[in-house]
């Protein structure tokens, strides 16, 4: 009974609030709508009362985000706004509406012949990652990979070989729009997503961009900031939890996950719920930082993984 009364009082309050807001805003604009605009003094008075001659600070703030750099134009404003809405509402990674939204952002395989810039080549890994994968995976065929930090889909790719020579399919996640635009022109037979990976809730992240060294601003190490140098620009990118992305794709089993995020690697692997996502093999960039390498090994060892191999810049952990 008490709950019903509380519910009814809330309805009455909300109804009253709506009426008040309607009356208030209607009366505050009535003079402007109905005034004789041929009377200059009257127009000036109404303009000053309604602050119509002053810039809309809210719009100006958002404009500074949407126009932070020329590259920002490749990410539609409505995507950032929708992501911000989910973030403010603190939607969780298994939220059905959030999953449905991310599903609309994932591009399916092109179905066209692959269009690589370099013809007659299939191994584009930068530091021998393909050879290591062949050893660990025993040249297995028809698996499924995820490559986070896919760049342009060709240069420095750890997965082109798997697709071309071993018949694998997969998902390539690339947050930087310019790289993503190059990626989709390659016609790879994979799913693609222009976004970054968040923790357990959607968010918008600031990226510092300068070719292959680009990364999330607050995750870059001091050495990586120095490596990027002075010639860079910023972009704002929508980010979604890894579980959300995989549910949107309709897949929770991954044979190989390549994680190369210029400093954001541990943030990703430490926020995966390994009871929901089954990942057989990781390669994670440690980029000659011993503390990062140890961090990856120690953490994943607690989740059923063992060290398979240490590459030139990657740690390979297998379940």
Protein backbone atom coordinates (compact mmCIF):
# COMPACT_ATOMS: atom_id res chain seq x y z
CA UNK A 1 0.00 0.00 0.00
CA UNK A 2 2.81 2.39 0.95
CA UNK A 3 4.64 1.62 -2.29
CA UNK A 4 1.48 2.36 -4.31
CA UNK A 5 1.04 5.72 -2.56
CA UNK A 6 4.68 6.58 -3.18
CA UNK A 7 4.28 5.64 -6.85
CA UNK A 8 1.14 7.78 -7.17
CA UNK A 9 2.79 10.77 -5.50
CA UNK A 10 5.74 10.45 -7.90
CA UNK A 11 3.37 10.45 -10.87
CA UNK A 12 1.56 13.52 -9.55
CA UNK A 13 4.87 15.30 -8.97
CA UNK A 14 6.16 14.51 -12.46
CA UNK A 15 2.87 15.53 -14.04
CA UNK A 16 2.92 18.82 -12.17
CA UNK A 17 6.54 19.43 -13.10
CA UNK A 18 5.76 18.88 -16.79
CA UNK A 19 2.86 21.36 -16.64
CA UNK A 20 5.06 23.94 -14.89
CA UNK A 21 7.86 23.59 -17.48
CA UNK A 22 5.38 23.80 -20.34
CA UNK A 23 3.76 26.96 -18.97
CA UNK A 24 7.10 28.52 -18.07
CA UNK A 25 8.75 28.04 -21.45
CA UNK A 26 5.57 28.91 -23.31
CA UNK A 27 5.24 32.23 -21.49
CA UNK A 28 8.94 33.06 -21.82
CA UNK A 29 8.80 32.78 -25.60
CA UNK A 30 5.25 34.02 -26.25
CA UNK A 31 6.26 37.65 -26.55
CA UNK A 32 9.00 36.82 -29.01
CA UNK A 33 6.73 34.73 -31.20
CA UNK A 34 3.80 37.15 -31.17
CA UNK A 35 5.57 40.51 -31.04
CA UNK A 36 5.49 43.04 -33.82
CA UNK A 37 8.97 42.57 -35.31
CA UNK A 38 8.66 45.94 -37.01
CA UNK A 39 9.28 47.59 -33.64
CA UNK A 40 13.09 47.73 -33.25
CA UNK A 41 13.05 48.61 -29.53
CA UNK A 42 10.71 45.72 -28.77
CA UNK A 43 12.90 43.28 -30.72
CA UNK A 44 16.01 44.55 -28.91
CA UNK A 45 14.32 44.13 -25.52
CA UNK A 46 13.19 40.57 -26.26
CA UNK A 47 16.61 39.67 -27.68
CA UNK A 48 18.35 40.86 -24.52
CA UNK A 49 15.84 39.11 -22.23
CA UNK A 50 16.30 35.79 -24.03
CA UNK A 51 20.08 36.11 -24.55
CA UNK A 52 19.52 35.61 -28.27
CA UNK A 53 22.49 37.78 -29.20
CA UNK A 54 24.90 35.70 -27.13
CA UNK A 55 26.61 32.48 -28.26
CA UNK A 56 25.15 29.20 -27.08
CA UNK A 57 27.95 27.97 -24.85
CA UNK A 58 26.65 24.40 -24.89
CA UNK A 59 26.79 24.28 -28.68
CA UNK A 60 30.22 25.94 -28.68
CA UNK A 61 31.60 23.31 -26.31
CA UNK A 62 30.32 20.45 -28.45
CA UNK A 63 31.54 22.16 -31.61
CA UNK A 64 35.07 22.18 -30.20
CA UNK A 65 34.84 18.39 -29.90
CA UNK A 66 33.32 17.73 -33.30
CA UNK A 67 35.88 20.00 -34.95
CA UNK A 68 38.96 19.19 -32.87
CA UNK A 69 40.76 18.16 -36.08
CA UNK A 70 40.01 17.54 -39.75
CA UNK A 71 39.98 13.81 -39.07
CA UNK A 72 37.12 14.11 -36.58
CA UNK A 73 34.67 14.52 -39.49
CA UNK A 74 34.92 10.79 -40.21
CA UNK A 75 33.13 10.02 -36.92
CA UNK A 76 29.52 11.11 -37.16
CA UNK A 77 28.44 13.44 -34.30
CA UNK A 78 25.36 11.33 -33.59
CA UNK A 79 27.62 8.35 -32.78
CA UNK A 80 29.48 10.36 -30.13
CA UNK A 81 26.23 11.77 -28.74
CA UNK A 82 24.62 8.33 -28.51
CA UNK A 83 27.75 6.91 -26.87
CA UNK A 84 27.79 9.81 -24.40
CA UNK A 85 24.14 9.09 -23.57
CA UNK A 86 24.94 5.45 -22.79
CA UNK A 87 27.94 6.59 -20.74
CA UNK A 88 25.90 9.08 -18.69
CA UNK A 89 23.24 6.44 -18.11
CA UNK A 90 25.99 4.06 -16.91
CA UNK A 91 24.87 1.27 -19.20
CA UNK A 92 26.60 -2.04 -18.47
CA UNK A 93 28.42 -4.20 -20.99
CA UNK A 94 25.50 -6.62 -21.33
CA UNK A 95 22.87 -3.91 -21.92
CA UNK A 96 20.75 -5.06 -24.86
CA UNK A 97 20.20 -1.56 -26.30
CA UNK A 98 23.93 -0.84 -26.14
CA UNK A 99 24.73 -4.15 -27.85
CA UNK A 100 22.18 -3.39 -30.59
CA UNK A 101 23.76 0.05 -31.13
CA UNK A 102 27.28 -1.37 -31.46
CA UNK A 103 25.96 -3.95 -33.91
CA UNK A 104 24.94 -1.10 -36.25
CA UNK A 105 28.54 0.20 -36.20
CA UNK A 106 30.22 -3.08 -37.19
CA UNK A 107 30.93 -3.37 -40.91
CA UNK A 108 30.52 -6.91 -42.35
CA UNK A 109 33.05 -8.57 -44.68
CA UNK A 110 33.10 -6.84 -48.06
CA UNK A 111 32.60 -9.98 -50.12
CA UNK A 112 34.97 -8.49 -52.72
CA UNK A 113 38.44 -9.66 -53.80
CA UNK A 114 41.07 -8.50 -51.33
CA UNK A 115 42.76 -5.28 -52.41
CA UNK A 116 46.13 -5.05 -50.66
CA UNK A 117 48.59 -2.32 -51.63
CA UNK A 118 51.48 -4.79 -51.81
CA UNK A 119 50.62 -7.62 -54.17
CA UNK A 120 51.89 -11.19 -53.94
CA UNK A 121 52.67 -10.99 -50.23
CA UNK A 122 50.80 -12.44 -47.24
CA UNK A 123 53.06 -11.91 -44.23
CA UNK A 124 52.95 -8.30 -43.06
CA UNK A 125 53.82 -8.81 -39.39
CA UNK A 126 56.39 -6.30 -38.23
CA UNK A 127 58.62 -8.44 -36.00
CA UNK A 128 58.09 -12.07 -36.97
CA UNK A 129 54.76 -12.54 -35.22
CA UNK A 130 53.48 -14.74 -38.06
CA UNK A 131 56.27 -17.30 -37.60
CA UNK A 132 55.56 -17.48 -33.87
CA UNK A 133 51.83 -17.93 -34.48
CA UNK A 134 52.54 -20.74 -36.94
CA UNK A 135 54.59 -22.56 -34.30
CA UNK A 136 52.09 -22.09 -31.48
CA UNK A 137 48.96 -22.77 -33.53
CA UNK A 138 50.52 -25.61 -35.55
CA UNK A 139 49.37 -23.93 -38.79
CA UNK A 140 45.74 -24.48 -37.78
CA UNK A 141 43.06 -23.51 -40.27
CA UNK A 142 39.68 -21.73 -40.23
CA UNK A 143 40.04 -20.07 -36.85
CA UNK A 144 38.67 -16.74 -35.66
CA UNK A 145 40.86 -13.79 -34.65
CA UNK A 146 40.39 -10.33 -33.19
CA UNK A 147 43.01 -7.69 -33.92
CA UNK A 148 42.78 -4.61 -31.71
CA UNK A 149 44.85 -1.81 -33.16
CA UNK A 150 44.55 -2.98 -36.74
CA UNK A 151 46.03 0.16 -38.31
CA UNK A 152 45.31 0.16 -42.08
CA UNK A 153 44.56 -3.56 -42.27
CA UNK A 154 47.82 -4.37 -44.05
CA UNK A 155 50.97 -2.68 -42.78
CA UNK A 156 52.27 -4.37 -39.60
CA UNK A 157 49.22 -6.66 -39.56
CA UNK A 158 49.41 -9.85 -37.49
CA UNK A 159 46.36 -11.39 -39.17
CA UNK A 160 46.57 -10.97 -42.97
CA UNK A 161 48.53 -14.23 -43.19
CA UNK A 162 45.91 -16.12 -41.20
CA UNK A 163 43.18 -14.83 -43.50
CA UNK A 164 44.97 -15.45 -46.81
CA UNK A 165 46.93 -18.62 -46.06
CA UNK A 166 44.94 -20.35 -43.32
CA UNK A 167 41.35 -19.42 -44.15
CA UNK A 168 40.68 -17.56 -40.90
CA UNK A 169 37.99 -14.94 -40.38
CA UNK A 170 37.84 -12.30 -37.71
CA UNK A 171 37.24 -8.80 -36.43
CA UNK A 172 39.56 -5.84 -36.81
CA UNK A 173 39.11 -2.95 -34.35
CA UNK A 174 40.74 0.37 -35.27
CA UNK A 175 39.92 3.63 -33.45
CA UNK A 176 41.73 6.13 -35.68
CA UNK A 177 39.38 7.18 -38.53
CA UNK A 178 42.06 7.87 -41.15
CA UNK A 179 43.54 4.41 -40.67
CA UNK A 180 40.07 2.88 -40.68
CA UNK A 181 39.22 4.57 -44.00
CA UNK A 182 42.32 2.96 -45.52
CA UNK A 183 41.46 -0.36 -43.92
CA UNK A 184 38.00 -0.74 -45.43
CA UNK A 185 39.40 -0.09 -48.91
CA UNK A 186 41.50 -3.26 -48.59
CA UNK A 187 38.33 -5.42 -48.90
CA UNK A 188 39.50 -7.87 -46.27
CA UNK A 189 37.10 -10.72 -45.63
CA UNK A 190 36.56 -9.75 -42.00
CA UNK A 191 34.35 -7.63 -39.77
CA UNK A 192 35.61 -4.16 -38.89
CA UNK A 193 34.79 -1.55 -36.25
CA UNK A 194 35.92 2.08 -36.03
CA UNK A 195 36.01 2.40 -32.23
CA UNK A 196 38.20 1.64 -29.25
CA UNK A 197 37.78 -0.86 -26.42
CA UNK A 198 36.44 0.51 -23.13
CA UNK A 199 36.41 -1.00 -19.66
CA UNK A 200 32.99 -2.21 -18.50
CA UNK A 201 30.97 0.78 -19.67
CA UNK A 202 30.85 2.83 -22.89
CA UNK A 203 32.87 6.03 -22.97
CA UNK A 204 34.48 8.59 -25.28
CA UNK A 205 38.28 8.69 -25.36
CA UNK A 206 40.77 11.29 -26.51
CA UNK A 207 43.37 9.97 -28.96
CA UNK A 208 46.69 11.50 -29.90
CA UNK A 209 47.36 10.77 -33.56
CA UNK A 210 50.63 10.58 -35.47
CA UNK A 211 50.73 7.63 -37.87
CA UNK A 212 51.43 4.21 -36.31
CA UNK A 213 52.37 5.61 -32.90
CA UNK A 214 48.85 6.91 -32.29
CA UNK A 215 47.17 5.95 -29.05
CA UNK A 216 44.82 6.93 -26.28
CA UNK A 217 46.27 10.10 -24.78
CA UNK A 218 46.14 9.14 -21.11
CA UNK A 219 47.44 5.60 -21.73
CA UNK A 220 50.58 6.55 -23.65
CA UNK A 221 53.81 6.17 -21.70
CA UNK A 222 56.36 8.97 -21.51
CA UNK A 223 58.46 7.22 -24.15
CA UNK A 224 55.45 6.90 -26.44
CA UNK A 225 54.59 10.60 -26.05
CA UNK A 226 58.19 11.40 -27.00
CA UNK A 227 57.98 9.03 -29.95
CA UNK A 228 54.88 10.76 -31.29
CA UNK A 229 56.73 14.06 -31.17
CA UNK A 230 55.32 17.50 -31.86
CA UNK A 231 53.43 16.81 -35.10
CA UNK A 232 50.15 15.30 -33.95
CA UNK A 233 46.45 16.06 -33.64
CA UNK A 234 43.64 14.90 -31.40
CA UNK A 235 40.41 13.03 -32.09
CA UNK A 236 37.56 11.84 -29.87
CA UNK A 237 36.57 8.22 -30.36
CA UNK A 238 33.61 6.12 -29.11
CA UNK A 239 34.70 3.18 -26.95
CA UNK A 240 32.75 0.07 -25.99
CA UNK A 241 33.39 -2.87 -23.64
CA UNK A 242 34.95 -5.89 -25.31
CA UNK A 243 32.08 -8.13 -24.21
CA UNK A 244 29.58 -5.69 -25.76
CA UNK A 245 31.46 -5.77 -29.06
CA UNK A 246 31.65 -9.55 -29.17
CA UNK A 247 27.97 -9.94 -28.25
CA UNK A 248 27.11 -7.50 -31.04
CA UNK A 249 29.08 -9.76 -33.35
CA UNK A 250 27.34 -12.84 -31.98
CA UNK A 251 30.58 -14.55 -30.98
CA UNK A 252 32.25 -15.25 -27.64
CA UNK A 253 34.94 -17.75 -28.73
CA UNK A 254 38.23 -16.36 -30.08
CA UNK A 255 41.19 -18.43 -31.25
CA UNK A 256 43.66 -15.56 -31.35
CA UNK A 257 43.51 -12.03 -29.93
CA UNK A 258 46.20 -9.56 -31.09
CA UNK A 259 46.40 -6.57 -28.72
CA UNK A 260 48.54 -3.65 -29.86
CA UNK A 261 47.17 -0.40 -28.38
CA UNK A 262 50.21 1.77 -27.66
CA UNK A 263 49.84 1.64 -23.89
CA UNK A 264 46.22 0.56 -23.44
CA UNK A 265 46.87 -3.19 -23.54
CA UNK A 266 46.58 -4.00 -19.83
CA UNK A 267 43.45 -1.90 -19.52
CA UNK A 268 41.80 -4.19 -22.09
CA UNK A 269 42.96 -7.60 -20.87
CA UNK A 270 42.24 -6.75 -17.22
CA UNK A 271 38.60 -5.84 -17.93
CA UNK A 272 37.63 -8.96 -19.84
CA UNK A 273 35.31 -11.35 -18.02
CA UNK A 274 36.99 -14.65 -18.85
CA UNK A 275 33.91 -16.58 -17.75
CA UNK A 276 32.01 -14.95 -20.64
CA UNK A 277 34.70 -14.72 -23.33
CA UNK A 278 36.79 -17.77 -24.33
CA UNK A 279 40.15 -16.67 -25.78
CA UNK A 280 42.68 -19.36 -26.71
CA UNK A 281 45.77 -17.28 -27.49
CA UNK A 282 46.94 -13.71 -26.88
CA UNK A 283 49.76 -11.69 -28.35
CA UNK A 284 50.20 -8.45 -26.40
CA UNK A 285 52.68 -5.73 -27.22
CA UNK A 286 55.10 -4.99 -24.39
CA UNK A 287 57.38 -2.74 -26.52
CA UNK A 288 60.56 -3.39 -24.53
CA UNK A 289 59.06 -2.23 -21.23
CA UNK A 290 59.87 -5.01 -18.75
CA UNK A 291 57.29 -3.87 -16.21
CA UNK A 292 54.51 -4.19 -18.81
CA UNK A 293 55.68 -7.65 -19.87
CA UNK A 294 55.68 -8.89 -16.28
CA UNK A 295 52.28 -7.31 -15.67
CA UNK A 296 50.71 -9.20 -18.60
CA UNK A 297 52.27 -12.53 -17.65
CA UNK A 298 51.35 -12.26 -13.97
CA UNK A 299 47.78 -11.21 -14.64
CA UNK A 300 46.92 -13.76 -17.30
CA UNK A 301 48.60 -16.53 -15.30
CA UNK A 302 45.86 -15.99 -12.71
CA UNK A 303 43.23 -16.60 -15.41
CA UNK A 304 44.41 -19.96 -16.75
CA UNK A 305 47.07 -18.84 -19.23
CA UNK A 306 50.73 -19.77 -19.52
CA UNK A 307 53.59 -18.10 -21.31
CA UNK A 308 53.98 -19.65 -24.77
CA UNK A 309 56.72 -17.39 -26.13
CA UNK A 310 58.22 -13.94 -25.81
CA UNK A 311 58.66 -12.19 -29.15
CA UNK A 312 60.62 -9.10 -30.04
CA UNK A 313 57.80 -6.79 -28.94
CA UNK A 314 54.98 -9.19 -27.96
CA UNK A 315 54.14 -11.61 -25.16
CA UNK A 316 52.29 -14.75 -26.34
CA UNK A 317 50.02 -16.26 -23.70
CA UNK A 318 48.05 -19.44 -24.36
CA UNK A 319 45.12 -20.92 -22.44
